[in-house]
Amino acid sequence: MSLVKNAFYSAAQLLPLAVLKQRRAGSLLLPYHHLVSDAPVPHIRHLYPWKGTKDFEKDLDYLLRRFKAVTLQDVIQSLRTGQSLTAGSFLLTFDDGLREIKDIVAPMLLRKGVPAAFFLNSAFLDNKNLFYKFKLSLIIESLQSGNHSRATLDRLYAFLQADESTVIAALKNITYTTRGQADEVAGILGISFAQYLSDVKPFLTMDEVGTLLQQGFAIGGHSIDHPYYKQLTLEEQLFQTRQSVDFLVQHFNLPYRAFAFPHTDAGVSKIFFNTLLEGPEPLDVIFGTANQRKDFNPKILHRFNCERPSVSINAAVKGILLLNKIQQMTNKDEISR
């Protein structure tokens, strides 16, 4: 994290929470995570950091002492009726449908009585496919093991047009559009993603999702296979969204239709939102990642990242509330599309 961000979070912690919580009426705190684990997770290790169980439990205790937990259904009901949620409410969400939701997160939430919503990629459920960025992390993990011959590495460097000093950067430059290159690289290095899916089972199964629903949790779509929406055409954006939501609604007979953007909603047009919120079988709510800012439609809500282990929950919450106050004062709290 940059020095400026560190300084901002440090300053935010000094401010009284009661003052920062005085925001616009009906505001909702929307922290999101992907993973909680004390163990190494090779398919994520080279992508982003995450919190362990002790820190996550501290986060939950902090939120429960200072805010009121609500369900996804509570949020949707509020949007449908126009009746505000209780002041100081929060909705906890997790993206990507990782196995740790079942193994670690859900048991902790159930023990503390915290509801949550899990946003799932339809292509990854039942471990049928592996997210291309997870493939890149596994490739980097394999390279750092030092188990490859010079001939193999030379083939890899030639394929990526890189050398030993630039190969990691070249791998990280592989995008959703060029994701097939990850499979070609795996072939060069002798990595089997199919075997990894079979052995590790990084994603939830459909049966496990059904159990989570029975336990009182909520689910929503998170696209088919986790693209950057800015790189897609409007038609592709709509297809990715509808397919992921429809798949869950139809399979689990859900009485609501919710979606959370993978990566970011930056650059997505107003036409996209209007089509999904006002057309046939409209979505009830769409979650973006623009740090609690307002959008042109009240059914578009923006979450903030709360999983960085280097940022305490006190700093993360106060930081986002302070940022929102500054944005309000400078008339920058509403997204322009």
Protein backbone atom coordinates (compact mmCIF):
# COMPACT_ATOMS: atom_id res chain seq x y z
CA MET A 1 0.00 0.00 0.00
CA SER A 2 1.25 3.50 -0.82
CA LEU A 3 2.51 5.91 1.83
CA VAL A 4 -0.39 8.24 1.07
CA LYS A 5 -2.96 5.52 1.73
CA ASN A 6 -1.18 4.46 4.90
CA ALA A 7 -1.22 8.04 6.14
CA PHE A 8 -4.91 8.37 5.25
CA TYR A 9 -5.89 5.23 7.17
CA SER A 10 -3.74 6.26 10.13
CA ALA A 11 -5.44 9.66 10.27
CA ALA A 12 -8.91 8.14 9.89
CA GLN A 13 -8.40 5.94 12.96
CA LEU A 14 -8.05 9.03 15.15
CA LEU A 15 -11.55 10.27 14.34
CA PRO A 16 -14.65 9.33 16.37
CA LEU A 17 -16.70 6.64 14.66
CA ALA A 18 -19.96 8.30 15.77
CA VAL A 19 -19.11 11.41 13.75
CA LEU A 20 -18.08 9.44 10.67
CA LYS A 21 -21.29 7.36 10.79
CA GLN A 22 -23.38 10.51 10.28
CA ARG A 23 -23.82 9.98 6.55
CA ARG A 24 -26.72 10.22 4.15
CA ALA A 25 -30.00 8.66 5.25
CA GLY A 26 -30.37 4.94 4.71
CA SER A 27 -26.66 4.40 4.07
CA LEU A 28 -25.40 0.85 4.30
CA LEU A 29 -21.89 -0.36 5.06
CA LEU A 30 -20.84 -2.90 2.43
CA PRO A 31 -17.52 -4.64 3.21
CA TYR A 32 -16.50 -7.43 0.85
CA HIS A 33 -13.99 -10.28 0.98
CA HIS A 34 -12.92 -13.22 -1.13
CA LEU A 35 -11.01 -15.48 1.19
CA VAL A 36 -10.28 -16.22 4.84
CA SER A 37 -7.60 -18.83 5.52
CA ASP A 38 -4.66 -19.60 7.78
CA ALA A 39 -3.19 -22.01 5.22
CA PRO A 40 -1.30 -21.26 2.00
CA VAL A 41 -3.55 -20.96 -1.04
CA PRO A 42 -1.30 -21.34 -4.12
CA HIS A 43 -3.95 -20.35 -6.67
CA ILE A 44 -4.39 -16.99 -4.90
CA ARG A 45 -1.02 -16.45 -3.22
CA HIS A 46 0.37 -14.36 -6.12
CA LEU A 47 -2.79 -12.30 -6.68
CA TYR A 48 -3.75 -10.59 -3.43
CA PRO A 49 -3.34 -10.93 0.35
CA TRP A 50 -6.12 -12.10 2.67
CA LYS A 51 -6.88 -12.29 6.37
CA GLY A 52 -6.52 -15.27 8.64
CA THR A 53 -9.20 -16.58 10.97
CA LYS A 54 -8.11 -14.59 14.05
CA ASP A 55 -8.13 -11.27 12.22
CA PHE A 56 -11.42 -12.07 10.51
CA GLU A 57 -13.03 -12.94 13.84
CA LYS A 58 -11.81 -9.62 15.23
CA ASP A 59 -13.40 -7.92 12.22
CA LEU A 60 -16.72 -9.62 12.88
CA ASP A 61 -16.68 -8.66 16.55
CA TYR A 62 -15.89 -5.05 15.67
CA LEU A 63 -18.72 -4.83 13.16
CA LEU A 64 -21.23 -6.52 15.48
CA ARG A 65 -20.42 -4.12 18.33
CA ARG A 66 -20.82 -1.01 16.22
CA PHE A 67 -23.24 -1.88 13.39
CA LYS A 68 -26.31 -4.01 12.76
CA ALA A 69 -25.97 -7.00 10.43
CA VAL A 70 -28.65 -7.31 7.73
CA THR A 71 -29.35 -9.90 5.05
CA LEU A 72 -29.33 -9.51 1.29
CA GLN A 73 -33.10 -10.04 1.45
CA ASP A 74 -33.37 -7.12 3.91
CA VAL A 75 -31.52 -4.90 1.46
CA ILE A 76 -33.70 -5.98 -1.45
CA GLN A 77 -36.88 -5.47 0.58
CA SER A 78 -35.70 -1.97 1.46
CA LEU A 79 -35.11 -1.21 -2.23
CA ARG A 80 -38.50 -2.63 -3.22
CA THR A 81 -40.49 -0.73 -0.58
CA GLY A 82 -38.42 2.43 -0.24
CA GLN A 83 -38.26 1.90 3.51
CA SER A 84 -34.81 2.67 4.92
CA LEU A 85 -32.76 0.08 6.72
CA THR A 86 -31.90 0.58 10.37
CA ALA A 87 -29.21 3.23 10.72
CA GLY A 88 -25.74 1.73 10.94
CA SER A 89 -26.56 -1.45 9.04
CA PHE A 90 -23.97 -3.58 7.26
CA LEU A 91 -24.12 -6.42 4.74
CA LEU A 92 -21.15 -8.75 4.52
CA THR A 93 -20.39 -10.24 1.10
CA PHE A 94 -17.89 -12.70 -0.36
CA ASP A 95 -16.96 -13.14 -4.03
CA ASP A 96 -15.85 -16.06 -6.22
CA GLY A 97 -17.42 -18.98 -4.35
CA LEU A 98 -14.20 -20.38 -2.90
CA ARG A 99 -14.13 -23.64 -0.94
CA GLU A 100 -13.08 -21.74 2.18
CA ILE A 101 -16.60 -20.28 2.34
CA LYS A 102 -17.88 -23.72 3.36
CA ASP A 103 -14.81 -24.81 5.32
CA ILE A 104 -13.99 -21.65 7.28
CA VAL A 105 -16.21 -18.63 6.68
CA ALA A 106 -19.74 -20.04 7.04
CA PRO A 107 -19.01 -21.87 10.32
CA MET A 108 -17.61 -18.66 11.83
CA LEU A 109 -20.57 -16.60 10.62
CA LEU A 110 -23.09 -19.12 11.93
CA ARG A 111 -21.40 -19.22 15.31
CA LYS A 112 -21.65 -15.43 15.61
CA GLY A 113 -25.04 -15.07 13.95
CA VAL A 114 -23.82 -12.97 11.03
CA PRO A 115 -25.70 -13.23 7.71
CA ALA A 116 -23.82 -12.90 4.44
CA ALA A 117 -24.24 -13.07 0.67
CA PHE A 118 -21.94 -15.11 -1.55
CA PHE A 119 -21.50 -14.14 -5.21
CA LEU A 120 -20.71 -17.05 -7.49
CA ASN A 121 -19.30 -17.64 -10.99
CA SER A 122 -21.43 -20.25 -12.73
CA ALA A 123 -18.52 -21.68 -14.79
CA PHE A 124 -16.47 -22.49 -11.68
CA LEU A 125 -19.09 -24.25 -9.55
CA ASP A 126 -18.50 -27.98 -9.08
CA ASN A 127 -14.85 -27.25 -9.98
CA LYS A 128 -15.52 -27.58 -13.70
CA ASN A 129 -13.21 -24.73 -14.68
CA LEU A 130 -10.41 -22.69 -13.12
CA PHE A 131 -10.37 -18.88 -13.16
CA TYR A 132 -7.59 -17.74 -15.50
CA LYS A 133 -5.98 -15.55 -12.82
CA PHE A 134 -5.83 -18.55 -10.51
CA LYS A 135 -4.01 -20.35 -13.32
CA LEU A 136 -1.47 -17.52 -13.47
CA SER A 137 -0.87 -17.73 -9.73
CA LEU A 138 -0.25 -21.47 -10.00
CA ILE A 139 2.16 -20.90 -12.88
CA ILE A 140 4.11 -18.33 -10.84
CA GLU A 141 4.12 -20.75 -7.90
CA SER A 142 5.53 -23.46 -10.16
CA LEU A 143 8.24 -21.17 -11.51
CA GLN A 144 9.32 -20.17 -8.03
CA SER A 145 9.68 -23.82 -7.03
CA GLY A 146 12.81 -24.01 -9.22
CA ASN A 147 11.94 -27.46 -10.53
CA HIS A 148 12.10 -26.71 -14.25
CA SER A 149 14.97 -27.49 -16.60
CA ARG A 150 16.81 -24.84 -18.57
CA ALA A 151 15.33 -26.21 -21.79
CA THR A 152 11.79 -25.86 -20.39
CA LEU A 153 12.45 -22.33 -19.20
CA ASP A 154 13.93 -21.36 -22.55
CA ARG A 155 10.75 -22.61 -24.26
CA LEU A 156 8.68 -20.55 -21.85
CA TYR A 157 10.75 -17.41 -22.37
CA ALA A 158 10.50 -17.80 -26.13
CA PHE A 159 6.72 -18.23 -25.95
CA LEU A 160 6.21 -15.17 -23.73
CA GLN A 161 8.95 -13.14 -25.44
CA ALA A 162 10.49 -12.59 -22.01
CA ASP A 163 13.54 -13.55 -19.97
CA GLU A 164 14.17 -14.51 -16.36
CA SER A 165 13.83 -10.94 -15.14
CA THR A 166 10.59 -10.17 -17.00
CA VAL A 167 8.75 -13.49 -17.08
CA ILE A 168 6.52 -12.77 -14.06
CA ALA A 169 5.50 -9.40 -15.50
CA ALA A 170 4.78 -11.08 -18.85
CA LEU A 171 2.54 -13.62 -17.14
CA LYS A 172 0.67 -10.91 -15.28
CA ASN A 173 0.06 -9.17 -18.61
CA ILE A 174 -2.09 -12.09 -19.76
CA THR A 175 -5.68 -10.82 -19.80
CA TYR A 176 -9.14 -12.34 -19.96
CA THR A 177 -9.02 -11.88 -23.74
CA THR A 178 -5.69 -13.73 -24.04
CA ARG A 179 -6.37 -16.20 -21.21
CA GLY A 180 -5.74 -19.16 -23.52
CA GLN A 181 -2.04 -18.38 -23.15
CA ALA A 182 -2.21 -19.59 -19.54
CA ASP A 183 -3.11 -23.07 -20.78
CA GLU A 184 -0.27 -23.01 -23.31
CA VAL A 185 2.19 -21.98 -20.60
CA ALA A 186 0.88 -24.75 -18.36
CA GLY A 187 1.53 -27.21 -21.17
CA ILE A 188 5.14 -26.06 -21.43
CA LEU A 189 5.67 -26.38 -17.67
CA GLY A 190 3.79 -29.65 -17.28
CA ILE A 191 1.06 -28.20 -15.05
CA SER A 192 -2.35 -29.89 -15.06
CA PHE A 193 -5.14 -27.53 -14.09
CA ALA A 194 -7.64 -30.39 -14.40
CA GLN A 195 -5.66 -32.36 -11.84
CA TYR A 196 -5.53 -29.34 -9.54
CA LEU A 197 -9.31 -28.89 -9.76
CA SER A 198 -9.78 -32.58 -8.98
CA ASP A 199 -7.31 -32.70 -6.09
CA VAL A 200 -7.75 -29.32 -4.41
CA LYS A 201 -11.36 -28.49 -5.35
CA PRO A 202 -10.89 -24.72 -4.91
CA PHE A 203 -14.55 -23.86 -5.56
CA LEU A 204 -17.88 -24.70 -3.96
CA THR A 205 -20.03 -27.48 -5.35
CA MET A 206 -23.70 -27.04 -6.17
CA ASP A 207 -24.63 -29.25 -3.22
CA GLU A 208 -22.54 -27.10 -0.90
CA VAL A 209 -24.25 -23.96 -2.19
CA GLY A 210 -27.59 -25.61 -1.45
CA THR A 211 -26.46 -26.26 2.11
CA LEU A 212 -25.39 -22.63 2.53
CA LEU A 213 -28.86 -21.54 1.43
CA GLN A 214 -30.45 -23.92 3.93
CA GLN A 215 -28.27 -22.35 6.61
CA GLY A 216 -29.79 -18.95 5.84
CA PHE A 217 -27.13 -17.39 3.63
CA ALA A 218 -27.89 -15.68 0.31
CA ILE A 219 -26.28 -16.00 -3.11
CA GLY A 220 -26.04 -14.01 -6.32
CA GLY A 221 -24.38 -14.00 -9.71
CA HIS A 222 -20.80 -12.86 -10.24
CA SER A 223 -20.58 -13.39 -14.05
CA ILE A 224 -19.93 -16.68 -15.81
CA ASP A 225 -16.12 -16.76 -15.69
CA HIS A 226 -14.94 -13.51 -14.08
CA PRO A 227 -13.99 -11.17 -16.95
CA TYR A 228 -13.16 -7.48 -16.77
CA TYR A 229 -16.42 -5.96 -17.97
CA LYS A 230 -14.68 -2.99 -19.55
CA GLN A 231 -13.06 -5.40 -22.03
CA LEU A 232 -16.43 -6.81 -23.15
CA THR A 233 -19.03 -5.55 -25.58
CA LEU A 234 -22.39 -4.51 -24.15
CA GLU A 235 -23.92 -7.74 -25.44
CA GLU A 236 -21.20 -9.80 -23.75
CA GLN A 237 -21.65 -7.89 -20.50
CA LEU A 238 -25.39 -8.56 -20.50
CA PHE A 239 -24.89 -12.22 -21.39
CA GLN A 240 -22.32 -12.79 -18.62
CA THR A 241 -24.62 -11.14 -16.09
CA ARG A 242 -27.92 -12.71 -17.05
CA GLN A 243 -26.49 -16.20 -17.45
CA SER A 244 -24.83 -16.21 -14.04
CA VAL A 245 -27.94 -14.90 -12.28
CA ASP A 246 -30.43 -17.03 -14.23
CA PHE A 247 -28.39 -20.17 -13.56
CA LEU A 248 -28.65 -19.69 -9.79
CA VAL A 249 -32.26 -18.48 -9.77
CA GLN A 250 -33.44 -21.46 -11.80
CA HIS A 251 -31.36 -24.13 -10.05
CA PHE A 252 -32.09 -22.96 -6.50
CA ASN A 253 -35.52 -21.40 -7.09
CA LEU A 254 -34.38 -18.06 -5.67
CA PRO A 255 -37.06 -15.40 -4.99
CA TYR A 256 -34.59 -12.60 -5.74
CA ARG A 257 -32.09 -11.68 -8.46
CA ALA A 258 -28.79 -10.22 -7.30
CA PHE A 259 -25.48 -9.58 -9.05
CA ALA A 260 -22.03 -8.35 -8.01
CA PHE A 261 -19.43 -7.23 -10.55
CA PRO A 262 -16.20 -9.19 -10.86
CA HIS A 263 -13.15 -6.93 -10.60
CA THR A 264 -14.81 -3.54 -11.14
CA ASP A 265 -17.80 -1.81 -12.71
CA ALA A 266 -15.63 1.06 -14.00
CA GLY A 267 -16.44 1.99 -17.58
CA VAL A 268 -19.79 0.17 -17.70
CA SER A 269 -22.50 2.23 -19.40
CA LYS A 270 -25.86 3.43 -18.13
CA ILE A 271 -27.49 1.35 -20.88
CA PHE A 272 -26.20 -1.82 -19.22
CA PHE A 273 -27.77 -0.94 -15.89
CA ASN A 274 -31.04 0.30 -17.33
CA THR A 275 -31.41 -2.87 -19.41
CA LEU A 276 -30.94 -5.12 -16.37
CA LEU A 277 -32.84 -3.05 -13.82
CA GLU A 278 -35.82 -2.04 -15.95
CA GLY A 279 -36.15 -4.74 -18.62
CA PRO A 280 -37.85 -8.14 -18.44
CA GLU A 281 -37.00 -10.16 -15.30
CA PRO A 282 -35.15 -7.19 -13.78
CA LEU A 283 -32.42 -7.60 -11.21
CA ASP A 284 -33.28 -6.55 -7.68
CA VAL A 285 -29.84 -5.18 -6.89
CA ILE A 286 -26.42 -4.75 -8.50
CA PHE A 287 -23.24 -4.37 -6.45
CA GLY A 288 -20.26 -2.44 -7.78
CA THR A 289 -16.89 -1.77 -6.16
CA ALA A 290 -16.71 2.03 -6.09
CA ASN A 291 -16.19 2.42 -2.34
CA GLN A 292 -19.70 3.19 -1.13
CA ARG A 293 -20.29 5.99 -3.66
CA LYS A 294 -23.80 6.74 -4.91
CA ASP A 295 -24.96 5.77 -8.39
CA PHE A 296 -27.73 7.04 -10.63
CA ASN A 297 -30.09 4.24 -9.59
CA PRO A 298 -30.62 3.35 -5.89
CA LYS A 299 -30.53 -0.35 -6.84
CA ILE A 300 -26.81 0.02 -7.64
CA LEU A 301 -24.82 -0.23 -4.43
CA HIS A 302 -21.06 0.00 -4.08
CA ARG A 303 -18.92 -2.13 -1.78
CA PHE A 304 -15.42 -1.62 -0.40
CA ASN A 305 -12.50 -4.03 0.06
CA CYS A 306 -12.17 -5.07 3.68
CA GLU A 307 -9.77 -8.02 3.45
CA ARG A 308 -6.33 -6.41 3.39
CA PRO A 309 -4.40 -7.86 6.35
CA SER A 310 -2.30 -4.69 6.55
CA VAL A 311 -5.38 -2.56 7.31
CA SER A 312 -7.22 -3.11 10.58
CA ILE A 313 -11.01 -3.23 10.52
CA ASN A 314 -11.10 0.01 12.51
CA ALA A 315 -8.93 1.72 9.90
CA ALA A 316 -10.84 0.21 6.97
CA VAL A 317 -14.26 1.26 8.24
CA LYS A 318 -13.26 4.70 9.42
CA GLY A 319 -11.24 5.20 6.25
CA ILE A 320 -14.18 4.46 3.95
CA LEU A 321 -16.54 6.63 6.01
CA LEU A 322 -14.04 9.50 5.99
CA LEU A 323 -13.53 9.10 2.25
CA ASN A 324 -17.29 9.26 1.72
CA LYS A 325 -17.54 12.44 3.79
CA ILE A 326 -14.76 14.08 1.79
CA GLN A 327 -16.45 13.02 -1.45
CA GLN A 328 -19.75 14.50 -0.27
CA MET A 329 -18.12 17.81 0.63
CA THR A 330 -16.39 18.01 -2.75
CA ASN A 331 -19.45 16.83 -4.74
CA LYS A 332 -17.60 13.72 -5.89
CA ASP A 333 -19.73 11.15 -4.11
CA GLU A 334 -21.88 10.26 -7.13
CA ILE A 335 -20.64 8.24 -10.09
CA SER A 336 -21.05 9.69 -13.56
CA ARG A 337 -21.92 7.21 -16.30
